[in-house]
Amino acid sequence: MKRRIFSVVLVIAFVFSCQTVPVTGRSQLALIPNSELLPMSFQSYDQVLKESKLSNNKEQAAMIERVGRRIQAAVEKYMTDIGAASQLNGFNWEFKLIEDDNTINAWCMPGGKVAFYTGILPICKDEAGVAVVMGHEIAHAIANHGGERMSQGMLQQLGMSSLSVALGQNPTMTNQLLLQSIGIGSQIGMLSFSRQHESEADKIGLIFSSMAGYDPREAPEFWKRMKAASGGQAPPEFLSTHPSSDRRISDLNAQMPEAMKIYNQYKK
């Protein structure tokens, strides 16, 4: 009976908590509304900035701001054109450069809060490279990947809890192995979801940066530089939360004809 009740709860959650990802049209689970997600995001962003040192390189910081605002404008136009501008309600865009040469990373929290680390700038090489990364990171926010991951995590915990109840919380080795195997299975599943998000952000980001007037042909070049910088130390793709650089380069090249049409339409 408890299993049947939980199954009904899952069906209701999926039916009433799904939304569509812009550009790709993929259906996703979204249990957490922006009214709850964005305040948490903004608080976390402020905390990160408080604990970090912002770069005093005015030229580089201005470049991050400039690229971010151009892609923001492209995003807002795209969302308005498809009648989805309301999905940006509550966004409070911000673009910061953190001084940390040892961290090759950038991210965008839900609600448009972006941070770059100075360590990624040599791989970006120039403004076009920054646009590749900026488009990708903003795409995560527009696609609500953060909210989706949180929803998946909530559902995963509910699933494991329900299974434990269904088994009578039997503290036997078999029960522990079963729960552990489901945990491992869920973990690998979450890895595949994460790779899906990364690939989706590559595609969406390529569209947004092209709309902003940045040459999409720079995207595969960026990932070639990233591959070289990794020195072959990346883990096997099936154990990685990110697609391999070779996979990303191949996928981006396959999407290039569409991106070039957009770029030629919007470039100044």
Protein backbone atom coordinates (compact mmCIF):
# COMPACT_ATOMS: atom_id res chain seq x y z
CA MET A 1 0.00 0.00 0.00
CA LYS A 2 2.80 2.43 0.93
CA ARG A 3 4.51 1.71 -2.36
CA ARG A 4 1.31 2.45 -4.26
CA ILE A 5 0.82 5.70 -2.34
CA PHE A 6 4.38 6.76 -3.12
CA SER A 7 3.85 5.92 -6.80
CA VAL A 8 0.78 8.14 -6.87
CA VAL A 9 2.79 10.95 -5.25
CA LEU A 10 5.47 10.56 -7.93
CA VAL A 11 2.91 10.73 -10.73
CA ILE A 12 1.36 13.88 -9.25
CA ALA A 13 4.80 15.45 -8.83
CA PHE A 14 5.71 14.79 -12.45
CA VAL A 15 2.37 15.93 -13.87
CA PHE A 16 2.14 19.20 -11.94
CA SER A 17 5.82 20.08 -11.58
CA CYS A 18 7.14 19.87 -15.13
CA GLN A 19 8.23 22.75 -17.31
CA THR A 20 9.90 23.09 -20.70
CA VAL A 21 13.52 24.12 -21.24
CA PRO A 22 13.83 27.07 -23.67
CA VAL A 23 15.59 26.33 -27.00
CA THR A 24 15.69 22.53 -26.57
CA GLY A 25 12.05 21.98 -25.57
CA ARG A 26 13.00 19.23 -23.11
CA SER A 27 10.57 18.59 -20.28
CA GLN A 28 12.11 18.87 -16.83
CA LEU A 29 11.06 18.37 -13.24
CA ALA A 30 10.76 21.63 -11.27
CA LEU A 31 9.52 21.13 -7.73
CA ILE A 32 11.00 24.38 -6.41
CA PRO A 33 9.42 27.68 -7.56
CA ASN A 34 11.62 30.67 -8.32
CA SER A 35 10.01 32.48 -5.42
CA GLU A 36 11.91 30.07 -3.14
CA LEU A 37 14.90 29.26 -5.33
CA LEU A 38 16.09 32.77 -6.21
CA PRO A 39 16.34 34.19 -2.68
CA MET A 40 18.45 31.18 -1.70
CA SER A 41 20.59 31.70 -4.80
CA PHE A 42 21.15 35.40 -4.15
CA GLN A 43 22.08 34.76 -0.53
CA SER A 44 24.60 32.11 -1.57
CA TYR A 45 26.07 34.40 -4.22
CA ASP A 46 26.54 37.23 -1.73
CA GLN A 47 28.22 34.81 0.66
CA VAL A 48 30.65 33.62 -2.01
CA LEU A 49 31.57 37.19 -2.90
CA LYS A 50 32.00 38.04 0.77
CA GLU A 51 34.45 35.18 1.18
CA SER A 52 36.31 35.90 -2.07
CA LYS A 53 38.59 38.62 -3.36
CA LEU A 54 37.25 40.46 -6.39
CA SER A 55 39.79 41.21 -9.10
CA ASN A 56 41.20 44.73 -9.17
CA ASN A 57 41.99 44.38 -12.87
CA LYS A 58 39.53 46.95 -14.17
CA GLU A 59 39.98 45.97 -17.82
CA GLN A 60 39.26 42.30 -17.24
CA ALA A 61 36.38 43.00 -14.87
CA ALA A 62 34.88 45.39 -17.43
CA MET A 63 35.17 42.72 -20.11
CA ILE A 64 33.26 40.22 -17.95
CA GLU A 65 30.56 42.84 -17.34
CA ARG A 66 30.39 43.80 -21.03
CA VAL A 67 30.08 40.26 -22.30
CA GLY A 68 27.56 39.41 -19.62
CA ARG A 69 25.33 42.37 -20.46
CA ARG A 70 25.41 41.60 -24.17
CA ILE A 71 24.37 38.01 -23.60
CA GLN A 72 21.79 39.12 -21.03
CA ALA A 73 20.24 41.36 -23.69
CA ALA A 74 20.19 38.47 -26.17
CA VAL A 75 18.55 36.21 -23.59
CA GLU A 76 15.89 38.76 -22.74
CA LYS A 77 15.10 39.30 -26.42
CA TYR A 78 14.90 35.56 -27.08
CA MET A 79 12.62 34.93 -24.11
CA THR A 80 10.38 37.82 -25.11
CA ASP A 81 10.20 36.59 -28.71
CA ILE A 82 9.04 33.13 -27.64
CA GLY A 83 6.54 34.53 -25.13
CA ALA A 84 8.47 33.32 -22.09
CA ALA A 85 9.70 36.60 -20.64
CA SER A 86 7.89 35.82 -17.38
CA GLN A 87 10.42 33.06 -16.73
CA LEU A 88 12.96 35.83 -16.09
CA ASN A 89 10.83 37.45 -13.39
CA GLY A 90 12.94 37.92 -10.28
CA PHE A 91 16.26 37.72 -12.16
CA ASN A 92 18.81 40.19 -10.84
CA TRP A 93 21.77 40.00 -13.19
CA GLU A 94 25.27 40.45 -11.84
CA PHE A 95 28.69 39.72 -13.34
CA LYS A 96 31.79 39.55 -11.15
CA LEU A 97 35.43 38.53 -11.62
CA ILE A 98 37.03 36.75 -8.65
CA GLU A 99 40.78 36.89 -8.17
CA ASP A 100 41.89 33.26 -8.12
CA ASP A 101 44.43 32.16 -10.71
CA ASN A 102 44.33 28.56 -9.50
CA THR A 103 40.63 28.05 -10.19
CA ILE A 104 39.70 27.41 -13.82
CA ASN A 105 36.00 27.92 -13.49
CA ALA A 106 32.96 30.13 -13.94
CA TRP A 107 29.35 29.69 -12.89
CA CYS A 108 25.91 31.27 -12.96
CA MET A 109 23.51 30.82 -10.09
CA PRO A 110 19.74 30.78 -10.62
CA GLY A 111 18.57 34.33 -11.15
CA GLY A 112 21.49 35.50 -13.30
CA LYS A 113 24.30 35.78 -10.73
CA VAL A 114 27.54 35.12 -12.63
CA ALA A 115 31.10 34.72 -11.35
CA PHE A 116 34.28 34.14 -13.33
CA TYR A 117 37.62 33.21 -11.78
CA THR A 118 40.78 34.78 -13.18
CA GLY A 119 42.19 31.29 -13.67
CA ILE A 120 39.91 30.64 -16.64
CA LEU A 121 40.83 33.82 -18.52
CA PRO A 122 44.05 32.48 -20.13
CA ILE A 123 42.00 29.62 -21.60
CA CYS A 124 39.30 32.02 -22.77
CA LYS A 125 42.15 34.01 -24.34
CA ASP A 126 39.98 36.93 -25.43
CA GLU A 127 36.47 38.37 -25.30
CA ALA A 128 35.13 35.80 -27.77
CA GLY A 129 36.35 33.02 -25.49
CA VAL A 130 34.76 34.68 -22.48
CA ALA A 131 31.49 34.79 -24.46
CA VAL A 132 31.65 31.02 -24.98
CA VAL A 133 31.87 30.43 -21.24
CA MET A 134 29.40 33.21 -20.39
CA GLY A 135 26.78 31.85 -22.78
CA HIS A 136 27.20 28.36 -21.37
CA GLU A 137 26.91 29.43 -17.74
CA ILE A 138 23.92 31.72 -18.33
CA ALA A 139 22.28 28.86 -20.23
CA HIS A 140 22.36 26.79 -17.03
CA ALA A 141 20.30 29.48 -15.31
CA ILE A 142 17.86 29.96 -18.18
CA ALA A 143 17.35 26.19 -18.42
CA ASN A 144 16.80 26.06 -14.63
CA HIS A 145 19.35 23.29 -14.28
CA GLY A 146 20.01 24.24 -10.65
CA GLY A 147 16.34 23.92 -9.74
CA GLU A 148 16.07 20.68 -11.68
CA ARG A 149 19.06 19.17 -9.89
CA MET A 150 17.60 20.14 -6.53
CA SER A 151 14.25 18.62 -7.54
CA GLN A 152 15.98 15.41 -8.61
CA GLY A 153 17.82 15.30 -5.29
CA MET A 154 14.59 15.74 -3.34
CA LEU A 155 12.91 13.01 -5.35
CA GLN A 156 15.90 10.73 -4.93
CA GLN A 157 15.81 11.11 -1.14
CA LEU A 158 12.07 10.49 -1.04
CA GLY A 159 12.55 7.39 -3.16
CA MET A 160 15.23 5.93 -0.91
CA SER A 161 13.20 6.77 2.22
CA SER A 162 10.11 5.11 0.77
CA LEU A 163 12.06 2.00 -0.13
CA SER A 164 13.46 1.80 3.39
CA VAL A 165 9.91 1.98 4.83
CA ALA A 166 8.69 -0.62 2.33
CA LEU A 167 11.39 -2.99 3.54
CA GLY A 168 10.34 -2.40 7.13
CA GLN A 169 13.64 -0.63 7.91
CA ASN A 170 15.20 -4.05 8.31
CA PRO A 171 18.79 -3.56 9.54
CA THR A 172 20.11 -6.59 7.70
CA MET A 173 23.09 -6.77 5.43
CA THR A 174 20.79 -7.46 2.46
CA ASN A 175 18.79 -4.32 3.17
CA GLN A 176 21.94 -2.23 3.54
CA LEU A 177 23.39 -3.59 0.31
CA LEU A 178 20.13 -2.91 -1.48
CA LEU A 179 19.99 0.68 -0.28
CA GLN A 180 23.66 1.11 -1.11
CA SER A 181 23.21 -0.31 -4.59
CA ILE A 182 20.29 2.04 -5.19
CA GLY A 183 22.43 4.90 -3.93
CA ILE A 184 25.19 3.98 -6.36
CA GLY A 185 22.69 3.52 -9.14
CA SER A 186 21.12 6.87 -8.35
CA GLN A 187 24.53 8.50 -8.18
CA ILE A 188 25.50 7.25 -11.64
CA GLY A 189 22.08 8.34 -12.86
CA MET A 190 22.68 11.81 -11.47
CA LEU A 191 26.01 11.91 -13.28
CA SER A 192 24.22 11.24 -16.54
CA PHE A 193 21.74 13.99 -15.74
CA SER A 194 24.64 16.35 -15.11
CA ARG A 195 26.25 15.49 -18.45
CA GLN A 196 22.87 16.08 -20.07
CA HIS A 197 22.73 19.51 -18.46
CA GLU A 198 26.24 20.36 -19.62
CA SER A 199 25.50 19.34 -23.21
CA GLU A 200 22.23 21.24 -23.13
CA ALA A 201 23.98 24.34 -21.78
CA ASP A 202 26.56 24.08 -24.58
CA LYS A 203 23.79 24.13 -27.17
CA ILE A 204 21.73 26.89 -25.56
CA GLY A 205 24.81 28.95 -24.77
CA LEU A 206 25.96 28.74 -28.37
CA ILE A 207 22.62 30.19 -29.50
CA PHE A 208 22.71 33.02 -26.95
CA SER A 209 26.32 34.03 -27.62
CA SER A 210 25.65 33.97 -31.37
CA MET A 211 22.63 36.22 -30.87
CA ALA A 212 24.88 38.57 -28.88
CA GLY A 213 27.16 38.89 -31.90
CA TYR A 214 29.98 36.56 -30.85
CA ASP A 215 31.39 34.17 -33.44
CA PRO A 216 30.20 30.64 -32.53
CA ARG A 217 33.26 29.13 -34.24
CA GLU A 218 35.20 30.17 -31.14
CA ALA A 219 33.36 27.59 -29.03
CA PRO A 220 35.15 24.46 -30.34
CA GLU A 221 38.45 26.37 -30.16
CA PHE A 222 37.85 27.14 -26.50
CA TRP A 223 37.28 23.47 -25.73
CA LYS A 224 40.44 22.52 -27.60
CA ARG A 225 42.34 24.88 -25.31
CA MET A 226 40.54 23.44 -22.28
CA LYS A 227 41.50 19.94 -23.35
CA ALA A 228 45.12 20.99 -23.71
CA ALA A 229 45.06 22.67 -20.29
CA SER A 230 43.72 19.51 -18.64
CA GLY A 231 46.86 17.65 -19.68
CA GLY A 232 44.92 14.44 -20.26
CA GLN A 233 43.96 14.22 -16.58
CA ALA A 234 40.19 14.19 -17.14
CA PRO A 235 38.40 11.07 -15.81
CA PRO A 236 36.56 8.66 -18.14
CA GLU A 237 33.37 10.30 -19.40
CA PHE A 238 31.08 7.71 -17.81
CA LEU A 239 32.50 8.68 -14.39
CA SER A 240 32.58 12.40 -15.08
CA THR A 241 29.92 15.00 -14.42
CA HIS A 242 30.90 16.68 -17.68
CA PRO A 243 31.05 15.43 -21.27
CA SER A 244 34.56 14.92 -22.58
CA SER A 245 36.14 17.82 -24.45
CA ASP A 246 36.17 15.73 -27.64
CA ARG A 247 32.43 15.07 -27.29
CA ARG A 248 31.74 18.74 -26.72
CA ILE A 249 33.81 19.78 -29.73
CA SER A 250 32.02 17.26 -31.93
CA ASP A 251 28.57 18.33 -30.72
CA LEU A 252 29.36 22.04 -31.10
CA ASN A 253 30.61 21.52 -34.65
CA ALA A 254 27.39 19.66 -35.48
CA GLN A 255 25.39 22.64 -34.22
CA MET A 256 27.56 25.16 -36.05
CA PRO A 257 25.40 25.64 -39.21
CA GLU A 258 22.41 26.77 -37.12
CA ALA A 259 24.60 28.95 -34.91
CA MET A 260 26.26 30.60 -37.91
CA LYS A 261 22.86 31.54 -39.35
CA ILE A 262 22.00 33.23 -36.08
CA TYR A 263 25.40 34.91 -35.85
CA ASN A 264 25.17 36.29 -39.38
CA GLN A 265 21.72 37.63 -38.60
CA TYR A 266 22.66 39.41 -35.39
CA LYS A 267 26.34 40.39 -35.79
CA LYS A 268 27.05 44.09 -35.89
